[in-house]
N, C-alpha and C. Protein backbone atom coordinates (compact mmCIF):
# COMPACT_ATOMS: atom_id res chain seq x y z
N MET A 1 0.83 -1.19 0.00
CA MET A 1 0.00 0.00 0.00
C MET A 1 0.88 1.25 0.00
N ILE A 2 0.29 2.34 -0.45
CA ILE A 2 1.02 3.59 -0.47
C ILE A 2 0.52 4.50 0.64
N GLU A 3 1.33 5.47 0.96
CA GLU A 3 0.95 6.49 1.93
C GLU A 3 0.19 7.56 1.15
N PHE A 4 -1.10 7.71 1.40
CA PHE A 4 -1.91 8.66 0.65
C PHE A 4 -1.75 10.07 1.19
N ALA A 5 -1.63 11.02 0.28
CA ALA A 5 -1.62 12.44 0.65
C ALA A 5 -3.05 12.83 1.01
N PRO A 6 -3.25 13.55 2.10
CA PRO A 6 -4.61 13.87 2.53
C PRO A 6 -5.31 14.93 1.69
N ASP A 7 -4.54 15.68 0.89
CA ASP A 7 -5.11 16.80 0.15
C ASP A 7 -5.41 16.50 -1.31
N ARG A 8 -5.41 15.22 -1.68
CA ARG A 8 -5.63 14.82 -3.08
C ARG A 8 -6.47 13.57 -3.12
N PRO A 9 -7.45 13.48 -4.01
CA PRO A 9 -8.29 12.28 -4.06
C PRO A 9 -7.46 11.01 -4.24
N ARG A 10 -7.82 9.99 -3.49
CA ARG A 10 -7.07 8.73 -3.54
C ARG A 10 -7.07 8.12 -4.94
N TRP A 11 -8.20 8.23 -5.64
CA TRP A 11 -8.24 7.62 -6.97
C TRP A 11 -7.21 8.25 -7.89
N ARG A 12 -6.98 9.55 -7.75
CA ARG A 12 -5.97 10.21 -8.58
C ARG A 12 -4.56 9.74 -8.22
N GLN A 13 -4.33 9.51 -6.95
CA GLN A 13 -3.01 9.04 -6.52
C GLN A 13 -2.74 7.63 -7.02
N VAL A 14 -3.76 6.77 -6.98
CA VAL A 14 -3.60 5.41 -7.50
C VAL A 14 -3.43 5.46 -9.02
N ALA A 15 -4.19 6.31 -9.69
CA ALA A 15 -4.05 6.46 -11.15
C ALA A 15 -2.63 6.90 -11.50
N ASP A 16 -2.03 7.76 -10.67
CA ASP A 16 -0.64 8.19 -10.89
C ASP A 16 0.31 6.99 -10.83
N VAL A 17 0.07 6.08 -9.89
CA VAL A 17 0.91 4.88 -9.77
C VAL A 17 0.78 4.03 -11.03
N ILE A 18 -0.43 3.84 -11.50
CA ILE A 18 -0.65 3.02 -12.70
C ILE A 18 -0.01 3.70 -13.92
N ARG A 19 -0.16 5.03 -14.02
CA ARG A 19 0.49 5.77 -15.12
C ARG A 19 2.00 5.58 -15.07
N GLN A 20 2.58 5.65 -13.88
CA GLN A 20 4.03 5.47 -13.73
C GLN A 20 4.45 4.07 -14.16
N ARG A 21 3.65 3.09 -13.82
CA ARG A 21 3.95 1.71 -14.23
C ARG A 21 3.87 1.56 -15.74
N ILE A 22 2.95 2.27 -16.37
CA ILE A 22 2.87 2.25 -17.84
C ILE A 22 4.11 2.94 -18.40
N ALA A 23 4.49 4.07 -17.83
CA ALA A 23 5.64 4.83 -18.32
C ALA A 23 6.94 4.04 -18.18
N ASP A 24 7.09 3.30 -17.08
CA ASP A 24 8.36 2.58 -16.87
C ASP A 24 8.38 1.19 -17.50
N GLY A 25 7.27 0.82 -18.16
CA GLY A 25 7.24 -0.45 -18.88
C GLY A 25 6.75 -1.63 -18.05
N THR A 26 6.39 -1.41 -16.79
CA THR A 26 5.84 -2.50 -15.99
C THR A 26 4.60 -3.05 -16.67
N TYR A 27 3.76 -2.14 -17.18
CA TYR A 27 2.60 -2.51 -17.98
C TYR A 27 2.83 -1.98 -19.38
N SER A 28 3.16 -2.87 -20.29
CA SER A 28 3.42 -2.45 -21.67
C SER A 28 2.12 -2.48 -22.48
N PRO A 29 2.12 -1.82 -23.65
CA PRO A 29 0.90 -1.79 -24.47
C PRO A 29 0.34 -3.18 -24.71
N GLY A 30 -0.96 -3.30 -24.54
CA GLY A 30 -1.64 -4.56 -24.77
C GLY A 30 -1.70 -5.48 -23.56
N THR A 31 -0.95 -5.15 -22.50
CA THR A 31 -0.99 -5.99 -21.31
C THR A 31 -2.11 -5.56 -20.38
N ARG A 32 -2.57 -6.50 -19.60
CA ARG A 32 -3.66 -6.24 -18.68
C ARG A 32 -3.19 -5.40 -17.50
N VAL A 33 -4.02 -4.45 -17.11
CA VAL A 33 -3.77 -3.67 -15.90
C VAL A 33 -4.61 -4.30 -14.78
N PRO A 34 -4.29 -4.00 -13.52
CA PRO A 34 -5.02 -4.62 -12.42
C PRO A 34 -6.53 -4.35 -12.51
N SER A 35 -7.29 -5.37 -12.13
CA SER A 35 -8.74 -5.24 -12.10
C SER A 35 -9.16 -4.35 -10.94
N VAL A 36 -10.43 -4.01 -10.92
CA VAL A 36 -10.98 -3.20 -9.83
C VAL A 36 -10.71 -3.89 -8.48
N ILE A 37 -10.93 -5.19 -8.43
CA ILE A 37 -10.70 -5.95 -7.19
C ILE A 37 -9.22 -5.96 -6.83
N GLN A 38 -8.35 -6.14 -7.82
CA GLN A 38 -6.91 -6.14 -7.55
C GLN A 38 -6.44 -4.78 -7.04
N LEU A 39 -6.97 -3.70 -7.62
CA LEU A 39 -6.62 -2.35 -7.14
C LEU A 39 -7.09 -2.18 -5.69
N GLN A 40 -8.28 -2.65 -5.41
CA GLN A 40 -8.83 -2.56 -4.06
C GLN A 40 -7.91 -3.28 -3.07
N GLU A 41 -7.47 -4.46 -3.43
CA GLU A 41 -6.62 -5.25 -2.54
C GLU A 41 -5.23 -4.64 -2.39
N GLU A 42 -4.63 -4.22 -3.51
CA GLU A 42 -3.26 -3.69 -3.46
C GLU A 42 -3.17 -2.37 -2.70
N PHE A 43 -4.14 -1.49 -2.94
CA PHE A 43 -4.03 -0.14 -2.38
C PHE A 43 -4.93 0.10 -1.16
N GLY A 44 -5.75 -0.88 -0.80
CA GLY A 44 -6.61 -0.73 0.35
C GLY A 44 -7.67 0.35 0.15
N ILE A 45 -8.24 0.39 -1.06
CA ILE A 45 -9.24 1.40 -1.39
C ILE A 45 -10.59 0.72 -1.64
N ALA A 46 -11.64 1.50 -1.66
CA ALA A 46 -12.98 0.98 -1.90
C ALA A 46 -13.15 0.61 -3.38
N VAL A 47 -14.11 -0.26 -3.64
CA VAL A 47 -14.41 -0.66 -5.02
C VAL A 47 -14.75 0.56 -5.86
N SER A 48 -15.56 1.47 -5.31
CA SER A 48 -15.95 2.66 -6.08
C SER A 48 -14.73 3.52 -6.42
N THR A 49 -13.75 3.56 -5.53
CA THR A 49 -12.51 4.31 -5.79
C THR A 49 -11.73 3.63 -6.91
N SER A 50 -11.67 2.30 -6.86
CA SER A 50 -10.99 1.54 -7.92
C SER A 50 -11.65 1.77 -9.28
N GLN A 51 -12.97 1.84 -9.27
CA GLN A 51 -13.70 2.09 -10.51
C GLN A 51 -13.37 3.48 -11.06
N LYS A 52 -13.21 4.45 -10.17
CA LYS A 52 -12.83 5.80 -10.61
C LYS A 52 -11.44 5.79 -11.25
N VAL A 53 -10.53 4.98 -10.71
CA VAL A 53 -9.19 4.87 -11.29
C VAL A 53 -9.30 4.41 -12.74
N ASN A 54 -10.00 3.29 -12.94
CA ASN A 54 -10.15 2.76 -14.30
C ASN A 54 -10.89 3.72 -15.21
N ASN A 55 -11.95 4.33 -14.72
CA ASN A 55 -12.70 5.29 -15.54
C ASN A 55 -11.83 6.47 -15.94
N GLY A 56 -11.05 6.98 -15.00
CA GLY A 56 -10.17 8.11 -15.30
C GLY A 56 -9.12 7.76 -16.34
N LEU A 57 -8.47 6.61 -16.17
CA LEU A 57 -7.44 6.19 -17.13
C LEU A 57 -8.06 5.91 -18.50
N ARG A 58 -9.27 5.37 -18.51
CA ARG A 58 -9.95 5.11 -19.79
C ARG A 58 -10.29 6.43 -20.48
N THR A 59 -10.76 7.41 -19.74
CA THR A 59 -11.09 8.72 -20.29
C THR A 59 -9.85 9.38 -20.90
N GLU A 60 -8.71 9.21 -20.26
CA GLU A 60 -7.45 9.77 -20.76
C GLU A 60 -6.92 9.03 -21.99
N GLY A 61 -7.47 7.85 -22.27
CA GLY A 61 -6.99 7.06 -23.40
C GLY A 61 -5.81 6.17 -23.04
N MET A 62 -5.52 6.05 -21.74
CA MET A 62 -4.39 5.23 -21.30
C MET A 62 -4.70 3.74 -21.36
N ILE A 63 -5.95 3.40 -21.08
CA ILE A 63 -6.37 2.00 -21.09
C ILE A 63 -7.67 1.87 -21.88
N TYR A 64 -7.96 0.64 -22.25
CA TYR A 64 -9.26 0.32 -22.85
C TYR A 64 -9.77 -0.94 -22.16
N THR A 65 -11.08 -1.09 -22.14
CA THR A 65 -11.69 -2.23 -21.46
C THR A 65 -12.47 -3.06 -22.47
N THR A 66 -12.26 -4.36 -22.40
CA THR A 66 -13.00 -5.30 -23.21
C THR A 66 -13.91 -6.08 -22.27
N PRO A 67 -15.23 -5.95 -22.44
CA PRO A 67 -16.15 -6.65 -21.54
C PRO A 67 -15.84 -8.14 -21.46
N GLY A 68 -15.79 -8.63 -20.24
CA GLY A 68 -15.52 -10.04 -20.01
C GLY A 68 -14.05 -10.41 -20.07
N MET A 69 -13.20 -9.47 -20.44
CA MET A 69 -11.76 -9.75 -20.57
C MET A 69 -10.92 -8.94 -19.58
N GLY A 70 -11.28 -7.69 -19.36
CA GLY A 70 -10.51 -6.84 -18.46
C GLY A 70 -10.08 -5.55 -19.14
N SER A 71 -9.18 -4.85 -18.47
CA SER A 71 -8.66 -3.57 -18.99
C SER A 71 -7.20 -3.74 -19.36
N PHE A 72 -6.82 -3.09 -20.45
CA PHE A 72 -5.49 -3.25 -21.03
C PHE A 72 -4.88 -1.90 -21.36
N VAL A 73 -3.55 -1.86 -21.40
CA VAL A 73 -2.84 -0.63 -21.75
C VAL A 73 -3.06 -0.34 -23.23
N ALA A 74 -3.44 0.88 -23.55
CA ALA A 74 -3.63 1.29 -24.94
C ALA A 74 -2.30 1.32 -25.66
N LYS A 75 -2.33 1.04 -26.96
CA LYS A 75 -1.07 0.98 -27.72
C LYS A 75 -0.36 2.32 -27.77
N ASP A 76 -1.10 3.43 -27.68
CA ASP A 76 -0.47 4.75 -27.75
C ASP A 76 -0.36 5.42 -26.38
N ALA A 77 -0.42 4.62 -25.31
CA ALA A 77 -0.35 5.18 -23.94
C ALA A 77 0.96 5.94 -23.71
N ALA A 78 2.07 5.41 -24.21
CA ALA A 78 3.36 6.08 -24.01
C ALA A 78 3.38 7.46 -24.67
N GLU A 79 2.78 7.56 -25.85
CA GLU A 79 2.71 8.85 -26.54
C GLU A 79 1.83 9.83 -25.77
N ILE A 80 0.75 9.33 -25.19
CA ILE A 80 -0.14 10.19 -24.39
C ILE A 80 0.63 10.72 -23.19
N LEU A 81 1.38 9.85 -22.53
CA LEU A 81 2.17 10.27 -21.37
C LEU A 81 3.23 11.29 -21.76
N LYS A 82 3.89 11.04 -22.89
CA LYS A 82 4.92 11.97 -23.36
C LYS A 82 4.32 13.33 -23.67
N ALA A 83 3.18 13.32 -24.35
CA ALA A 83 2.51 14.58 -24.68
C ALA A 83 2.08 15.32 -23.41
N ALA A 84 1.61 14.59 -22.43
CA ALA A 84 1.20 15.21 -21.17
C ALA A 84 2.42 15.82 -20.47
N GLY A 85 3.55 15.14 -20.53
CA GLY A 85 4.78 15.66 -19.95
C GLY A 85 5.27 16.90 -20.67
N ASP A 86 5.16 16.89 -21.99
CA ASP A 86 5.56 18.05 -22.78
C ASP A 86 4.66 19.24 -22.48
N ASP A 87 3.36 18.98 -22.31
CA ASP A 87 2.40 20.05 -22.02
C ASP A 87 2.68 20.71 -20.67
N SER A 88 3.19 19.93 -19.71
CA SER A 88 3.41 20.48 -18.36
C SER A 88 4.61 21.42 -18.33
N ARG A 89 5.42 21.40 -19.36
CA ARG A 89 6.60 22.29 -19.40
C ARG A 89 6.29 23.66 -19.96
N ASP A 90 5.12 23.79 -20.60
CA ASP A 90 4.76 25.08 -21.21
C ASP A 90 4.50 26.15 -20.17
């Protein structure tokens, strides 16, 4: 589990961890990311918080979900992360 900052939503902090894992290659394009239940167990968060993590990452285009199969890293996730990093320097 991680030490959560009290001034930031937990789902955003967990999403940051998943983004970092995508960036460092722990989760490469096409590989499965942790399920809602796995996120709940690993980070000690509620199911609804885990769902927000997946929904947020899906909205960003970082992951996609296939019903009955799970959620996977999008093929262009690295480019999205790079573009987000470039935008933060402006």
